[in-house]
C-alpha atoms as a PDB file:
ATOM      1  CA  ILE A   1     131.305  96.539  78.640  1.00  0.00           C
ATOM      2  CA  THR A   2     128.682  93.957  77.779  1.00  0.00           C
ATOM      3  CA  ALA A   3     125.469  93.063  79.563  1.00  0.00           C
ATOM      4  CA  ALA A   4     122.533  90.812  78.813  1.00  0.00           C
ATOM      5  CA  TYR A   5     118.927  91.071  79.894  1.00  0.00           C
ATOM      6  CA  PRO A   6     117.096  87.759  79.530  1.00  0.00           C
ATOM      7  CA  ALA A   7     113.334  88.203  79.417  1.00  0.00           C
ATOM      8  CA  GLY A   8     112.635  85.062  81.422  1.00  0.00           C
ATOM      9  CA  VAL A   9     109.174  83.590  81.745  1.00  0.00           C
ATOM     10  CA  ILE A  10     106.195  85.900  81.534  1.00  0.00           C
ATOM     11  CA  GLY A  11     103.797  85.050  84.346  1.00  0.00           C
ATOM     12  CA  ASP A  12     101.101  86.795  86.332  1.00  0.00           C
ATOM     13  CA  THR A  13     101.476  90.422  87.384  1.00  0.00           C
ATOM     14  CA  LYS A  14     102.806  89.632  90.869  1.00  0.00           C
ATOM     15  CA  SER A  15     105.421  87.203  89.528  1.00  0.00           C
ATOM     16  CA  ASN A  16     106.442  89.644  86.809  1.00  0.00           C
ATOM     17  CA  LEU A  17     106.876  92.440  89.360  1.00  0.00           C
ATOM     18  CA  GLU A  18     108.917  90.177  91.641  1.00  0.00           C
ATOM     19  CA  ALA A  19     111.182  89.266  88.722  1.00  0.00           C
ATOM     20  CA  ALA A  20     111.453  92.923  87.696  1.00  0.00           C
ATOM     21  CA  ALA A  21     112.365  93.930  91.268  1.00  0.00           C
ATOM     22  CA  ALA A  22     115.084  91.275  91.344  1.00  0.00           C
ATOM     23  CA  GLY A  23     116.407  92.598  88.030  1.00  0.00           C
ATOM     24  CA  GLU A  24     116.435  96.167  89.306  1.00  0.00           C
ATOM     25  CA  ASN A  25     118.274  94.978  92.421  1.00  0.00           C
ATOM     26  CA  LEU A  26     120.955  93.354  90.292  1.00  0.00           C
ATOM     27  CA  GLU A  27     121.267  96.542  88.245  1.00  0.00           C
ATOM     28  CA  TRP A  28     121.753  98.904  91.182  1.00  0.00           C
ATOM     29  CA  THR A  29     123.834  96.603  93.394  1.00  0.00           C
ATOM     30  CA  THR A  30     126.103  95.073  90.755  1.00  0.00           C
ATOM     31  CA  LEU A  31     125.726  96.172  87.152  1.00  0.00           C
ATOM     32  CA  TYR A  32     125.950  99.964  87.414  1.00  0.00           C
ATOM     33  CA  SER A  33     128.520  99.877  90.211  1.00  0.00           C
ATOM     34  CA  ASN A  34     130.700  97.689  87.973  1.00  0.00           C
ATOM     35  CA  PHE A  35     130.194 100.105  85.082  1.00  0.00           C
ATOM     36  CA  ALA A  36     131.166 102.986  87.391  1.00  0.00           C
ATOM     37  CA  ASN A  37     134.302 101.157  88.517  1.00  0.00           C
ATOM     38  CA  VAL A  38     135.379 100.554  84.911  1.00  0.00           C
ATOM     39  CA  ALA A  39     134.778 104.210  84.068  1.00  0.00           C
ATOM     40  CA  LYS A  40     136.871 105.297  87.078  1.00  0.00           C
ATOM     41  CA  GLU A  41     139.686 102.902  86.137  1.00  0.00           C
ATOM     42  CA  GLU A  42     139.646 104.231  82.577  1.00  0.00           C
ATOM     43  CA  GLY A  43     139.833 107.845  83.748  1.00  0.00           C
ATOM     44  CA  PHE A  44     136.223 108.942  83.249  1.00  0.00           C
ATOM     45  CA  PRO A  45     135.056 110.216  86.653  1.00  0.00           C
ATOM     46  CA  GLU A  46     132.044 112.062  85.192  1.00  0.00           C
ATOM     47  CA  VAL A  47     130.831 108.883  83.504  1.00  0.00           C
ATOM     48  CA  ALA A  48     131.377 106.978  86.753  1.00  0.00           C
ATOM     49  CA  LEU A  49     129.282 109.547  88.603  1.00  0.00           C
ATOM     50  CA  SER A  50     126.491 109.144  86.032  1.00  0.00           C
ATOM     51  CA  PHE A  51     126.486 105.372  86.531  1.00  0.00           C
ATOM     52  CA  ASP A  52     126.369 105.871  90.310  1.00  0.00           C
ATOM     53  CA  GLN A  53     123.374 108.195  89.894  1.00  0.00           C
ATOM     54  CA  ILE A  54     121.629 105.725  87.571  1.00  0.00           C
ATOM     55  CA  ALA A  55     122.102 103.065  90.260  1.00  0.00           C
ATOM     56  CA  LYS A  56     120.057 105.257  92.625  1.00  0.00           C
ATOM     57  CA  VAL A  57     117.256 105.350  90.055  1.00  0.00           C
ATOM     58  CA  GLU A  58     117.333 101.563  89.745  1.00  0.00           C
ATOM     59  CA  MET A  59     117.075 101.267  93.541  1.00  0.00           C
ATOM     60  CA  PHE A  60     113.965 103.474  93.405  1.00  0.00           C
ATOM     61  CA  HIS A  61     112.505 101.186  90.713  1.00  0.00           C
ATOM     62  CA  GLU A  62     113.132  98.105  92.850  1.00  0.00           C
ATOM     63  CA  ASN A  63     111.411  99.703  95.850  1.00  0.00           C
ATOM     64  CA  ARG A  64     108.447 100.757  93.721  1.00  0.00           C
ATOM     65  CA  TYR A  65     107.983  97.255  92.312  1.00  0.00           C
ATOM     66  CA  ARG A  66     108.199  95.723  95.789  1.00  0.00           C
ATOM     67  CA  LYS A  67     105.478  98.124  96.998  1.00  0.00           C
ATOM     68  CA  PHE A  68     103.318  97.054  94.042  1.00  0.00           C
ATOM     69  CA  VAL A  69     103.885  93.407  95.018  1.00  0.00           C
ATOM     70  CA  ALA A  70     102.854  94.194  98.607  1.00  0.00           C
ATOM     71  CA  ASN A  71      99.676  95.891  97.341  1.00  0.00           C
ATOM     72  CA  ILE A  72      98.805  92.831  95.269  1.00  0.00           C
ATOM     73  CA  ALA A  73      99.585  90.400  98.102  1.00  0.00           C
ATOM     74  CA  GLY A  74      97.459  92.449 100.517  1.00  0.00           C
ATOM     75  CA  SER A  75      94.588  92.929  98.033  1.00  0.00           C
ATOM     76  CA  GLU A  76      95.174  96.681  98.275  1.00  0.00           C
ATOM     77  CA  VAL A  77      95.483  97.605  94.610  1.00  0.00           C
ATOM     78  CA  PHE A  78      91.908  98.902  94.402  1.00  0.00           C
ATOM     79  CA  LYS A  79      90.967  98.817  98.087  1.00  0.00           C
ATOM     80  CA  LYS A  80      92.608 100.796 100.887  1.00  0.00           C
ATOM     81  CA  LYS A  81      92.013 100.892 104.643  1.00  0.00           C
ATOM     82  CA  ALA A  82      91.007 104.564 104.660  1.00  0.00           C
ATOM     83  CA  THR A  83      88.880 106.742 102.412  1.00  0.00           C
ATOM     84  CA  THR A  84      90.893 107.401  99.274  1.00  0.00           C
ATOM     85  CA  LYS A  85      90.453 109.603  96.213  1.00  0.00           C
ATOM     86  CA  TRP A  86      90.326 107.297  93.178  1.00  0.00           C
ATOM     87  CA  HIS A  87      90.895 108.861  89.758  1.00  0.00           C
ATOM     88  CA  CYS A  88      89.574 107.341  86.513  1.00  0.00           C
ATOM     89  CA  ILE A  89      92.436 107.690  84.044  1.00  0.00           C
ATOM     90  CA  ASN A  90      90.014 107.544  81.118  1.00  0.00           C
ATOM     91  CA  CYS A  91      87.642 110.414  81.925  1.00  0.00           C
ATOM     92  CA  GLY A  92      88.983 112.059  85.087  1.00  0.00           C
ATOM     93  CA  TYR A  93      86.092 111.162  87.398  1.00  0.00           C
ATOM     94  CA  VAL A  94      87.131 111.188  91.078  1.00  0.00           C
ATOM     95  CA  HIS A  95      85.529 108.746  93.526  1.00  0.00           C
ATOM     96  CA  GLU A  96      86.090 109.031  97.298  1.00  0.00           C
ATOM     97  CA  ASP A  97      85.823 105.727  99.147  1.00  0.00           C
ATOM     98  CA  PRO A  98      88.157 103.067 100.540  1.00  0.00           C
ATOM     99  CA  GLU A  99      87.530 101.067  97.345  1.00  0.00           C
ATOM    100  CA  ALA A 100      87.593 102.057  93.676  1.00  0.00           C
ATOM    101  CA  PRO A 101      84.234 101.420  91.975  1.00  0.00           C
ATOM    102  CA  ALA A 102      83.867  98.277  89.868  1.00  0.00           C
ATOM    103  CA  GLU A 103      82.871 100.528  86.971  1.00  0.00           C
ATOM    104  CA  CYS A 104      83.299 104.254  86.432  1.00  0.00           C
ATOM    105  CA  PRO A 105      79.866 105.885  86.796  1.00  0.00           C
ATOM    106  CA  ALA A 106      80.829 108.550  84.267  1.00  0.00           C
ATOM    107  CA  CYS A 107      82.454 106.646  81.381  1.00  0.00           C
ATOM    108  CA  LYS A 108      81.676 102.997  82.245  1.00  0.00           C
ATOM    109  CA  HIS A 109      85.328 101.897  82.097  1.00  0.00           C
ATOM    110  CA  PRO A 110      86.243  99.037  84.469  1.00  0.00           C
ATOM    111  CA  GLN A 111      87.939  99.330  87.848  1.00  0.00           C
ATOM    112  CA  SER A 112      91.316  98.720  86.226  1.00  0.00           C
ATOM    113  CA  TYR A 113      91.154 102.319  84.935  1.00  0.00           C
ATOM    114  CA  TYR A 114      91.342 103.697  88.486  1.00  0.00           C
ATOM    115  CA  GLU A 115      94.438 104.849  90.310  1.00  0.00           C
ATOM    116  CA  VAL A 116      94.947 106.736  93.546  1.00  0.00           C
ATOM    117  CA  LEU A 117      94.662 110.446  92.776  1.00  0.00           C
ATOM    118  CA  ALA A 118      98.017 112.190  93.034  1.00  0.00           C
ATOM    119  CA  GLU A 119      97.514 115.763  94.167  1.00  0.00           C
ATOM    120  CA  ASN A 120     101.104 116.896  93.858  1.00  0.00           C
ATOM    121  CA  TYR A 121     100.800 120.096  91.885  1.00  0.00           C
END
């Protein structure tokens, strides 16, 4: 089995994510299913199952990238419609507002250091 992954042109974040999503789509719809078929034909059902499971992961990646693209297109990366908990990944400060602050009031890092707080513990 051989496969190639051309890097393509590096552009802005939105374009890069769109290209990455297209690549992930190719991986889960074609590449890994072909790998699984070869493994089945060669008598390796466990390997085929692994490739099928990896395809599911690649589908998740594609969906994630497409959601990122939608956030960029809708100017919702650092601004949401409802009050949101924003977490500074540098110092841990949490800001509650529809929009992440331009600068962290605790550590002075820029808005790019904020992400939506994940409270999944």
